PDB file of N, CA and C in Angstrom:
ATOM      1  N   MET A   1       8.467  90.798 100.104  1.00  0.00           N
ATOM      2  CA  MET A   1       8.751  89.443 100.350  1.00  0.00           C
ATOM      3  C   MET A   1       7.891  88.914 101.481  1.00  0.00           C
ATOM      4  N   THR A   2       7.391  87.741 101.220  1.00  0.00           N
ATOM      5  CA  THR A   2       6.557  87.154 102.261  1.00  0.00           C
ATOM      6  C   THR A   2       7.405  86.226 103.113  1.00  0.00           C
ATOM      7  N   ASN A   3       7.020  86.170 104.281  1.00  0.00           N
ATOM      8  CA  ASN A   3       7.743  85.360 105.238  1.00  0.00           C
ATOM      9  C   ASN A   3       7.183  83.944 105.202  1.00  0.00           C
ATOM     10  N   THR A   4       7.826  83.018 104.470  1.00  0.00           N
ATOM     11  CA  THR A   4       7.342  81.630 104.396  1.00  0.00           C
ATOM     12  C   THR A   4       8.330  80.723 105.117  1.00  0.00           C
ATOM     13  N   LYS A   5       7.792  79.977 105.979  1.00  0.00           N
ATOM     14  CA  LYS A   5       8.617  79.025 106.704  1.00  0.00           C
ATOM     15  C   LYS A   5       8.304  77.629 106.164  1.00  0.00           C
ATOM     16  N   PRO A   6       9.309  76.804 106.063  1.00  0.00           N
ATOM     17  CA  PRO A   6       9.018  75.445 105.628  1.00  0.00           C
ATOM     18  C   PRO A   6       8.185  74.736 106.697  1.00  0.00           C
ATOM     19  N   LYS A   7       7.256  73.944 106.217  1.00  0.00           N
ATOM     20  CA  LYS A   7       6.374  73.232 107.147  1.00  0.00           C
ATOM     21  C   LYS A   7       7.142  72.093 107.819  1.00  0.00           C
ATOM     22  N   ALA A   8       6.914  71.968 109.111  1.00  0.00           N
ATOM     23  CA  ALA A   8       7.576  70.904 109.862  1.00  0.00           C
ATOM     24  C   ALA A   8       6.832  69.598 109.624  1.00  0.00           C
ATOM     25  N   LYS A   9       7.595  68.546 109.422  1.00  0.00           N
ATOM     26  CA  LYS A   9       7.002  67.234 109.215  1.00  0.00           C
ATOM     27  C   LYS A   9       6.611  66.652 110.562  1.00  0.00           C
ATOM     28  N   LYS A  10       5.482  65.976 110.551  1.00  0.00           N
ATOM     29  CA  LYS A  10       5.042  65.326 111.782  1.00  0.00           C
ATOM     30  C   LYS A  10       5.911  64.095 112.027  1.00  0.00           C
ATOM     31  N   ALA A  11       6.247  63.889 113.271  1.00  0.00           N
ATOM     32  CA  ALA A  11       7.063  62.730 113.627  1.00  0.00           C
ATOM     33  C   ALA A  11       6.216  61.468 113.555  1.00  0.00           C
ATOM     34  N   LYS A  12       6.776  60.446 112.924  1.00  0.00           N
ATOM     35  CA  LYS A  12       6.084  59.163 112.816  1.00  0.00           C
ATOM     36  C   LYS A  12       6.359  58.354 114.074  1.00  0.00           C
ATOM     37  N   PRO A  13       5.354  57.616 114.542  1.00  0.00           N
ATOM     38  CA  PRO A  13       5.601  56.784 115.720  1.00  0.00           C
ATOM     39  C   PRO A  13       6.658  55.729 115.404  1.00  0.00           C
ATOM     40  N   ALA A  14       7.470  55.412 116.398  1.00  0.00           N
ATOM     41  CA  ALA A  14       8.541  54.433 116.214  1.00  0.00           C
ATOM     42  C   ALA A  14       7.938  53.052 116.038  1.00  0.00           C
ATOM     43  N   LYS A  15       8.505  52.302 115.105  1.00  0.00           N
ATOM     44  CA  LYS A  15       8.032  50.940 114.859  1.00  0.00           C
ATOM     45  C   LYS A  15       8.667  50.008 115.880  1.00  0.00           C
ATOM     46  N   ALA A  16       7.900  49.045 116.296  1.00  0.00           N
ATOM     47  CA  ALA A  16       8.418  48.051 117.244  1.00  0.00           C
ATOM     48  C   ALA A  16       9.421  47.179 116.517  1.00  0.00           C
ATOM     49  N   THR A  17      10.549  46.922 117.173  1.00  0.00           N
ATOM     50  CA  THR A  17      11.586  46.125 116.527  1.00  0.00           C
ATOM     51  C   THR A  17      11.269  44.637 116.601  1.00  0.00           C
ATOM     52  N   ALA A  18      10.612  44.238 117.637  1.00  0.00           N
ATOM     53  CA  ALA A  18      10.272  42.815 117.767  1.00  0.00           C
ATOM     54  C   ALA A  18       8.954  42.556 117.054  1.00  0.00           C
ATOM     55  N   THR A  19       8.925  41.501 116.286  1.00  0.00           N
ATOM     56  CA  THR A  19       7.687  41.170 115.594  1.00  0.00           C
ATOM     57  C   THR A  19       6.839  40.283 116.482  1.00  0.00           C
ATOM     58  N   LYS A  20       5.573  40.491 116.426  1.00  0.00           N
ATOM     59  CA  LYS A  20       4.657  39.680 117.216  1.00  0.00           C
ATOM     60  C   LYS A  20       4.254  38.472 116.392  1.00  0.00           C
ATOM     61  N   LYS A  21       4.291  37.320 117.049  1.00  0.00           N
ATOM     62  CA  LYS A  21       3.842  36.102 116.367  1.00  0.00           C
ATOM     63  C   LYS A  21       2.335  36.007 116.506  1.00  0.00           C
ATOM     64  N   LYS A  22       1.719  35.651 115.435  1.00  0.00           N
ATOM     65  CA  LYS A  22       0.276  35.476 115.478  1.00  0.00           C
ATOM     66  C   LYS A  22      -0.033  34.137 116.116  1.00  0.00           C
ATOM     67  N   ALA A  23      -1.006  34.143 116.984  1.00  0.00           N
ATOM     68  CA  ALA A  23      -1.414  32.904 117.651  1.00  0.00           C
ATOM     69  C   ALA A  23      -2.045  31.975 116.630  1.00  0.00           C
ATOM     70  N   ALA A  24      -1.676  30.718 116.721  1.00  0.00           N
ATOM     71  CA  ALA A  24      -2.241  29.738 115.802  1.00  0.00           C
ATOM     72  C   ALA A  24      -3.717  29.552 116.136  1.00  0.00           C
ATOM     73  N   LYS A  25      -4.521  29.664 115.116  1.00  0.00           N
ATOM     74  CA  LYS A  25      -5.955  29.504 115.323  1.00  0.00           C
ATOM     75  C   LYS A  25      -6.301  28.030 115.337  1.00  0.00           C
ATOM     76  N   LYS A  26      -7.133  27.663 116.273  1.00  0.00           N
ATOM     77  CA  LYS A  26      -7.597  26.286 116.339  1.00  0.00           C
ATOM     78  C   LYS A  26      -8.730  26.124 115.337  1.00  0.00           C
ATOM     79  N   PRO A  27      -8.733  25.003 114.640  1.00  0.00           N
ATOM     80  CA  PRO A  27      -9.816  24.810 113.680  1.00  0.00           C
ATOM     81  C   PRO A  27     -11.150  24.659 114.397  1.00  0.00           C
ATOM     82  N   THR A  28     -12.151  25.257 113.825  1.00  0.00           N
ATOM     83  CA  THR A  28     -13.484  25.148 114.405  1.00  0.00           C
ATOM     84  C   THR A  28     -14.086  23.816 114.005  1.00  0.00           C
ATOM     85  N   ALA A  29     -15.136  23.441 114.671  1.00  0.00           N
ATOM     86  CA  ALA A  29     -15.776  22.159 114.390  1.00  0.00           C
ATOM     87  C   ALA A  29     -16.254  22.089 112.948  1.00  0.00           C
ATOM     88  N   ALA A  30     -16.678  23.211 112.409  1.00  0.00           N
ATOM     89  CA  ALA A  30     -17.175  23.219 111.035  1.00  0.00           C
ATOM     90  C   ALA A  30     -16.044  22.980 110.038  1.00  0.00           C
ATOM     91  N   LYS A  31     -14.819  23.434 110.371  1.00  0.00           N
ATOM     92  CA  LYS A  31     -13.704  23.302 109.444  1.00  0.00           C
ATOM     93  C   LYS A  31     -12.964  21.984 109.588  1.00  0.00           C
ATOM     94  N   MET A  32     -13.169  21.282 110.692  1.00  0.00           N
ATOM     95  CA  MET A  32     -12.464  20.025 110.904  1.00  0.00           C
ATOM     96  C   MET A  32     -13.053  18.950 110.004  1.00  0.00           C
ATOM     97  N   ALA A  33     -12.185  18.065 109.550  1.00  0.00           N
ATOM     98  CA  ALA A  33     -12.642  16.983 108.683  1.00  0.00           C
ATOM     99  C   ALA A  33     -13.440  15.978 109.502  1.00  0.00           C
ATOM    100  N   LYS A  34     -14.451  15.439 108.889  1.00  0.00           N
ATOM    101  CA  LYS A  34     -15.260  14.433 109.569  1.00  0.00           C
ATOM    102  C   LYS A  34     -14.498  13.122 109.594  1.00  0.00           C
ATOM    103  N   PRO A  35     -14.593  12.374 110.715  1.00  0.00           N
ATOM    104  CA  PRO A  35     -13.872  11.102 110.777  1.00  0.00           C
ATOM    105  C   PRO A  35     -14.443  10.102 109.779  1.00  0.00           C
ATOM    106  N   THR A  36     -13.556   9.296 109.254  1.00  0.00           N
ATOM    107  CA  THR A  36     -13.972   8.272 108.296  1.00  0.00           C
ATOM    108  C   THR A  36     -14.649   7.135 109.054  1.00  0.00           C
ATOM    109  N   PRO A  37     -15.405   6.309 108.370  1.00  0.00           N
ATOM    110  CA  PRO A  37     -16.031   5.164 109.050  1.00  0.00           C
ATOM    111  C   PRO A  37     -15.002   4.241 109.706  1.00  0.00           C
ATOM    112  N   GLU A  38     -13.827   4.083 109.057  1.00  0.00           N
ATOM    113  CA  GLU A  38     -12.776   3.244 109.640  1.00  0.00           C
ATOM    114  C   GLU A  38     -12.267   3.839 110.941  1.00  0.00           C
ATOM    115  N   ALA A  39     -12.109   5.168 110.962  1.00  0.00           N
ATOM    116  CA  ALA A  39     -11.637   5.837 112.178  1.00  0.00           C
ATOM    117  C   ALA A  39     -12.660   5.699 113.300  1.00  0.00           C
ATOM    118  N   LYS A  40     -13.938   5.764 112.943  1.00  0.00           N
ATOM    119  CA  LYS A  40     -14.981   5.589 113.951  1.00  0.00           C
ATOM    120  C   LYS A  40     -14.933   4.186 114.542  1.00  0.00           C
ATOM    121  N   LYS A  41     -14.712   3.174 113.674  1.00  0.00           N
ATOM    122  CA  LYS A  41     -14.634   1.798 114.147  1.00  0.00           C
ATOM    123  C   LYS A  41     -13.439   1.610 115.080  1.00  0.00           C
ATOM    124  N   ARG A  42     -12.285   2.196 114.690  1.00  0.00           N
ATOM    125  CA  ARG A  42     -11.097   2.078 115.528  1.00  0.00           C
ATOM    126  C   ARG A  42     -11.314   2.739 116.882  1.00  0.00           C
ATOM    127  N   ALA A  43     -11.946   3.907 116.891  1.00  0.00           N
ATOM    128  CA  ALA A  43     -12.204   4.623 118.146  1.00  0.00           C
ATOM    129  C   ALA A  43     -13.152   3.831 119.037  1.00  0.00           C
ATOM    130  N   LYS A  44     -14.167   3.229 118.430  1.00  0.00           N
ATOM    131  CA  LYS A  44     -15.132   2.445 119.203  1.00  0.00           C
ATOM    132  C   LYS A  44     -14.461   1.211 119.797  1.00  0.00           C
ATOM    133  N   LYS A  45     -13.603   0.553 119.000  1.00  0.00           N
ATOM    134  CA  LYS A  45     -12.896  -0.630 119.469  1.00  0.00           C
ATOM    135  C   LYS A  45     -11.924  -0.259 120.597  1.00  0.00           C
ATOM    136  N   ALA A  46     -11.233   0.870 120.461  1.00  0.00           N
ATOM    137  CA  ALA A  46     -10.295   1.316 121.496  1.00  0.00           C
ATOM    138  C   ALA A  46     -11.030   1.643 122.791  1.00  0.00           C
ATOM    139  N   ALA A  47     -12.194   2.266 122.674  1.00  0.00           N
ATOM    140  CA  ALA A  47     -12.971   2.612 123.873  1.00  0.00           C
ATOM    141  C   ALA A  47     -13.451   1.338 124.569  1.00  0.00           C
ATOM    142  N   LYS A  48     -13.872   0.345 123.790  1.00  0.00           N
ATOM    143  CA  LYS A  48     -14.328  -0.920 124.377  1.00  0.00           C
ATOM    144  C   LYS A  48     -13.165  -1.637 125.051  1.00  0.00           C
ATOM    145  N   HIS A  49     -12.014  -1.644 124.393  1.00  0.00           N
ATOM    146  CA  HIS A  49     -10.832  -2.300 124.939  1.00  0.00           C
ATOM    147  C   HIS A  49     -10.395  -1.617 126.234  1.00  0.00           C
ATOM    148  N   ALA A  50     -10.423  -0.291 126.269  1.00  0.00           N
ATOM    149  CA  ALA A  50     -10.041   0.444 127.477  1.00  0.00           C
ATOM    150  C   ALA A  50     -11.013   0.125 128.610  1.00  0.00           C
ATOM    151  N   HIS A  51     -12.283  -0.015 128.290  1.00  0.00           N
ATOM    152  CA  HIS A  51     -13.281  -0.326 129.310  1.00  0.00           C
ATOM    153  C   HIS A  51     -13.059  -1.730 129.873  1.00  0.00           C
ATOM    154  N   GLU A  52     -12.692  -2.668 129.000  1.00  0.00           N
ATOM    155  CA  GLU A  52     -12.459  -4.040 129.456  1.00  0.00           C
ATOM    156  C   GLU A  52     -11.247  -4.126 130.367  1.00  0.00           C
ATOM    157  N   ASN A  53     -10.251  -3.273 130.142  1.00  0.00           N
ATOM    158  CA  ASN A  53      -9.030  -3.308 130.932  1.00  0.00           C
ATOM    159  C   ASN A  53      -9.119  -2.428 132.175  1.00  0.00           C
ATOM    160  N   ASN A  54     -10.276  -1.886 132.450  1.00  0.00           N
ATOM    161  CA  ASN A  54     -10.435  -1.013 133.608  1.00  0.00           C
ATOM    162  C   ASN A  54     -10.190  -1.824 134.876  1.00  0.00           C
ATOM    163  N   ARG A  55      -9.216  -1.380 135.645  1.00  0.00           N
ATOM    164  CA  ARG A  55      -8.875  -2.090 136.876  1.00  0.00           C
ATOM    165  C   ARG A  55      -9.633  -1.477 138.036  1.00  0.00           C
ATOM    166  N   ASN A  56     -10.555  -2.210 138.536  1.00  0.00           N
ATOM    167  CA  ASN A  56     -11.286  -1.753 139.704  1.00  0.00           C
ATOM    168  C   ASN A  56     -10.485  -2.116 140.938  1.00  0.00           C
ATOM    169  N   PRO A  57     -10.227  -1.146 141.816  1.00  0.00           N
ATOM    170  CA  PRO A  57      -9.449  -1.468 143.008  1.00  0.00           C
ATOM    171  C   PRO A  57     -10.221  -2.415 143.922  1.00  0.00           C
ATOM    172  N   LEU A  58      -9.474  -3.248 144.568  1.00  0.00           N
ATOM    173  CA  LEU A  58     -10.093  -4.189 145.501  1.00  0.00           C
ATOM    174  C   LEU A  58     -10.500  -3.465 146.774  1.00  0.00           C
ATOM    175  N   ARG A  59     -11.571  -3.903 147.351  1.00  0.00           N
ATOM    176  CA  ARG A  59     -11.962  -3.375 148.655  1.00  0.00           C
ATOM    177  C   ARG A  59     -11.066  -4.025 149.700  1.00  0.00           C
ATOM    178  N   PRO A  60     -10.847  -3.372 150.831  1.00  0.00           N
ATOM    179  CA  PRO A  60      -9.974  -3.954 151.860  1.00  0.00           C
ATOM    180  C   PRO A  60     -10.408  -5.341 152.312  1.00  0.00           C
ATOM    181  N   ASP A  61     -11.709  -5.595 152.331  1.00  0.00           N
ATOM    182  CA  ASP A  61     -12.148  -6.925 152.763  1.00  0.00           C
ATOM    183  C   ASP A  61     -11.884  -8.002 151.711  1.00  0.00           C
ATOM    184  N   GLU A  62     -11.559  -7.595 150.466  1.00  0.00           N
ATOM    185  CA  GLU A  62     -11.242  -8.541 149.405  1.00  0.00           C
ATOM    186  C   GLU A  62      -9.744  -8.818 149.298  1.00  0.00           C
ATOM    187  N   MET A  63      -8.924  -8.074 150.060  1.00  0.00           N
ATOM    188  CA  MET A  63      -7.470  -8.204 149.981  1.00  0.00           C
ATOM    189  C   MET A  63      -6.964  -9.224 150.997  1.00  0.00           C
ATOM    190  N   SER A  64      -5.897  -9.920 150.600  1.00  0.00           N
ATOM    191  CA  SER A  64      -5.260 -10.846 151.533  1.00  0.00           C
ATOM    192  C   SER A  64      -4.432 -10.039 152.535  1.00  0.00           C
ATOM    193  N   GLY A  65      -4.061 -10.686 153.619  1.00  0.00           N
ATOM    194  CA  GLY A  65      -3.247 -10.021 154.630  1.00  0.00           C
ATOM    195  C   GLY A  65      -1.893  -9.587 154.088  1.00  0.00           C
ATOM    196  N   ASP A  66      -1.290 -10.432 153.229  1.00  0.00           N
ATOM    197  CA  ASP A  66       0.003 -10.090 152.633  1.00  0.00           C
ATOM    198  C   ASP A  66      -0.098  -8.843 151.758  1.00  0.00           C
ATOM    199  N   LEU A  67      -1.179  -8.751 150.998  1.00  0.00           N
ATOM    200  CA  LEU A  67      -1.368  -7.596 150.125  1.00  0.00           C
ATOM    201  C   LEU A  67      -1.535  -6.312 150.939  1.00  0.00           C
ATOM    202  N   VAL A  68      -2.315  -6.376 152.004  1.00  0.00           N
ATOM    203  CA  VAL A  68      -2.511  -5.209 152.864  1.00  0.00           C
ATOM    204  C   VAL A  68      -1.178  -4.795 153.495  1.00  0.00           C
ATOM    205  N   GLU A  69      -0.392  -5.776 153.936  1.00  0.00           N
ATOM    206  CA  GLU A  69       0.914  -5.491 154.533  1.00  0.00           C
ATOM    207  C   GLU A  69       1.844  -4.824 153.518  1.00  0.00           C
ATOM    208  N   PHE A  70       1.849  -5.327 152.270  1.00  0.00           N
ATOM    209  CA  PHE A  70       2.686  -4.762 151.219  1.00  0.00           C
ATOM    210  C   PHE A  70       2.270  -3.325 150.894  1.00  0.00           C
ATOM    211  N   ILE A  71       0.975  -3.106 150.732  1.00  0.00           N
ATOM    212  CA  ILE A  71       0.481  -1.756 150.409  1.00  0.00           C
ATOM    213  C   ILE A  71       0.811  -0.788 151.536  1.00  0.00           C
ATOM    214  N   THR A  72       0.654  -1.232 152.774  1.00  0.00           N
ATOM    215  CA  THR A  72       0.967  -0.383 153.926  1.00  0.00           C
ATOM    216  C   THR A  72       2.451  -0.044 153.964  1.00  0.00           C
ATOM    217  N   ALA A  73       3.313  -1.038 153.673  1.00  0.00           N
ATOM    218  CA  ALA A  73       4.758  -0.800 153.673  1.00  0.00           C
ATOM    219  C   ALA A  73       5.152   0.195 152.574  1.00  0.00           C
ATOM    220  N   ILE A  74       4.584   0.043 151.404  1.00  0.00           N
ATOM    221  CA  ILE A  74       4.873   0.977 150.300  1.00  0.00           C
ATOM    222  C   ILE A  74       4.401   2.381 150.668  1.00  0.00           C
ATOM    223  N   ASP A  75       3.210   2.474 151.204  1.00  0.00           N
ATOM    224  CA  ASP A  75       2.657   3.775 151.577  1.00  0.00           C
ATOM    225  C   ASP A  75       3.508   4.444 152.657  1.00  0.00           C
ATOM    226  N   SER A  76       3.942   3.676 153.658  1.00  0.00           N
ATOM    227  CA  SER A  76       4.793   4.226 154.717  1.00  0.00           C
ATOM    228  C   SER A  76       6.107   4.725 154.144  1.00  0.00           C
ATOM    229  N   TYR A  77       6.714   3.945 153.235  1.00  0.00           N
ATOM    230  CA  TYR A  77       7.973   4.349 152.601  1.00  0.00           C
ATOM    231  C   TYR A  77       7.796   5.658 151.843  1.00  0.00           C
ATOM    232  N   LYS A  78       6.706   5.772 151.102  1.00  0.00           N
ATOM    233  CA  LYS A  78       6.450   6.986 150.317  1.00  0.00           C
ATOM    234  C   LYS A  78       6.321   8.202 151.225  1.00  0.00           C
ATOM    235  N   ARG A  79       5.625   8.039 152.352  1.00  0.00           N
ATOM    236  CA  ARG A  79       5.443   9.166 153.271  1.00  0.00           C
ATOM    237  C   ARG A  79       6.751   9.545 153.962  1.00  0.00           C
ATOM    238  N   ILE A  80       7.501   8.558 154.430  1.00  0.00           N
ATOM    239  CA  ILE A  80       8.748   8.830 155.144  1.00  0.00           C
ATOM    240  C   ILE A  80       9.777   9.494 154.231  1.00  0.00           C
ATOM    241  N   HIS A  81       9.901   8.987 153.008  1.00  0.00           N
ATOM    242  CA  HIS A  81      10.923   9.485 152.081  1.00  0.00           C
ATOM    243  C   HIS A  81      10.404  10.557 151.124  1.00  0.00           C
ATOM    244  N   GLU A  82       9.146  10.966 151.318  1.00  0.00           N
ATOM    245  CA  GLU A  82       8.523  12.015 150.488  1.00  0.00           C
ATOM    246  C   GLU A  82       8.701  11.720 149.001  1.00  0.00           C
ATOM    247  N   ARG A  83       8.358  10.491 148.625  1.00  0.00           N
ATOM    248  CA  ARG A  83       8.457  10.049 147.241  1.00  0.00           C
ATOM    249  C   ARG A  83       7.081   9.600 146.773  1.00  0.00           C
ATOM    250  N   PRO A  84       6.503  10.248 145.773  1.00  0.00           N
ATOM    251  CA  PRO A  84       5.198   9.790 145.301  1.00  0.00           C
ATOM    252  C   PRO A  84       5.275   8.447 144.574  1.00  0.00           C
ATOM    253  N   PHE A  85       6.424   8.168 143.930  1.00  0.00           N
ATOM    254  CA  PHE A  85       6.584   6.924 143.185  1.00  0.00           C
ATOM    255  C   PHE A  85       7.967   6.347 143.459  1.00  0.00           C
ATOM    256  N   PRO A  86       8.062   5.328 144.301  1.00  0.00           N
ATOM    257  CA  PRO A  86       9.379   4.728 144.553  1.00  0.00           C
ATOM    258  C   PRO A  86       9.874   3.980 143.317  1.00  0.00           C
ATOM    259  N   SER A  87      11.199   3.956 143.156  1.00  0.00           N
ATOM    260  CA  SER A  87      11.788   3.225 142.031  1.00  0.00           C
ATOM    261  C   SER A  87      11.687   1.725 142.303  1.00  0.00           C
ATOM    262  N   TRP A  88      11.978   0.932 141.276  1.00  0.00           N
ATOM    263  CA  TRP A  88      11.904  -0.521 141.443  1.00  0.00           C
ATOM    264  C   TRP A  88      12.935  -1.010 142.458  1.00  0.00           C
ATOM    265  N   SER A  89      14.108  -0.387 142.477  1.00  0.00           N
ATOM    266  CA  SER A  89      15.111  -0.807 143.459  1.00  0.00           C
ATOM    267  C   SER A  89      14.642  -0.495 144.875  1.00  0.00           C
ATOM    268  N   GLU A  90      13.916   0.599 145.048  1.00  0.00           N
ATOM    269  CA  GLU A  90      13.354   0.925 146.356  1.00  0.00           C
ATOM    270  C   GLU A  90      12.247  -0.069 146.737  1.00  0.00           C
ATOM    271  N   VAL A  91      11.451  -0.481 145.764  1.00  0.00           N
ATOM    272  CA  VAL A  91      10.409  -1.483 146.024  1.00  0.00           C
ATOM    273  C   VAL A  91      11.055  -2.801 146.451  1.00  0.00           C
ATOM    274  N   LEU A  92      12.167  -3.152 145.810  1.00  0.00           N
ATOM    275  CA  LEU A  92      12.874  -4.373 146.185  1.00  0.00           C
ATOM    276  C   LEU A  92      13.366  -4.298 147.632  1.00  0.00           C
ATOM    277  N   VAL A  93      13.881  -3.152 148.051  1.00  0.00           N
ATOM    278  CA  VAL A  93      14.318  -2.966 149.439  1.00  0.00           C
ATOM    279  C   VAL A  93      13.139  -3.154 150.391  1.00  0.00           C
ATOM    280  N   ILE A  94      11.990  -2.605 150.026  1.00  0.00           N
ATOM    281  CA  ILE A  94      10.793  -2.732 150.872  1.00  0.00           C
ATOM    282  C   ILE A  94      10.368  -4.185 150.975  1.00  0.00           C
ATOM    283  N   VAL A  95      10.374  -4.887 149.848  1.00  0.00           N
ATOM    284  CA  VAL A  95       9.962  -6.301 149.826  1.00  0.00           C
ATOM    285  C   VAL A  95      10.897  -7.140 150.690  1.00  0.00           C
ATOM    286  N   LYS A  96      12.199  -6.889 150.576  1.00  0.00           N
ATOM    287  CA  LYS A  96      13.159  -7.626 151.404  1.00  0.00           C
ATOM    288  C   LYS A  96      12.982  -7.292 152.878  1.00  0.00           C
ATOM    289  N   ALA A  97      12.656  -6.038 153.175  1.00  0.00           N
ATOM    290  CA  ALA A  97      12.428  -5.643 154.568  1.00  0.00           C
ATOM    291  C   ALA A  97      11.209  -6.344 155.145  1.00  0.00           C
ATOM    292  N   LEU A  98      10.262  -6.699 154.292  1.00  0.00           N
ATOM    293  CA  LEU A  98       9.087  -7.441 154.750  1.00  0.00           C
ATOM    294  C   LEU A  98       9.402  -8.912 155.003  1.00  0.00           C
ATOM    295  N   GLY A  99      10.590  -9.341 154.596  1.00  0.00           N
ATOM    296  CA  GLY A  99      11.001 -10.721 154.868  1.00  0.00           C
ATOM    297  C   GLY A  99      10.924 -11.652 153.679  1.00  0.00           C
ATOM    298  N   TYR A 100      10.624 -11.147 152.505  1.00  0.00           N
ATOM    299  CA  TYR A 100      10.548 -12.012 151.338  1.00  0.00           C
ATOM    300  C   TYR A 100      11.942 -12.308 150.823  1.00  0.00           C
ATOM    301  N   GLU A 101      12.156 -13.552 150.406  1.00  0.00           N
ATOM    302  CA  GLU A 101      13.425 -13.981 149.853  1.00  0.00           C
ATOM    303  C   GLU A 101      13.186 -14.744 148.555  1.00  0.00           C
ATOM    304  N   ARG A 102      14.240 -14.794 147.741  1.00  0.00           N
ATOM    305  CA  ARG A 102      14.157 -15.553 146.501  1.00  0.00           C
ATOM    306  C   ARG A 102      14.168 -17.042 146.830  1.00  0.00           C
ATOM    307  N   ALA A 103      13.261 -17.771 146.209  1.00  0.00           N
ATOM    308  CA  ALA A 103      13.197 -19.216 146.455  1.00  0.00           C
ATOM    309  C   ALA A 103      14.349 -19.902 145.738  1.00  0.00           C
ATOM    310  N   GLY A 104      14.897 -20.921 146.370  1.00  0.00           N
ATOM    311  CA  GLY A 104      15.898 -21.737 145.671  1.00  0.00           C
ATOM    312  C   GLY A 104      17.240 -21.668 146.213  1.00  0.00           C
TER     313      GLY A 104
END
């Protein structure tokens, strides 16, 4: 009688229980659809309109004294209260503190 031992099976690596989501691929320029002529016209018109509405800030020498006082008051309020954007009710408090009143 020969001494035969059953062969041991190799252990398989454990499968990960969580599935990995594949990252969504961004379309390359070659695969993206070309814009239609109408879309090009709309984009050109929007760019022109945005350029026309560009608000250039006034230089200090172009501002009235009241405007400079208002901007300074708003800026001081923002720094004191550590608020980058005061609410409208806070702006109203600042305006009243500057001495403005409703006419009538």
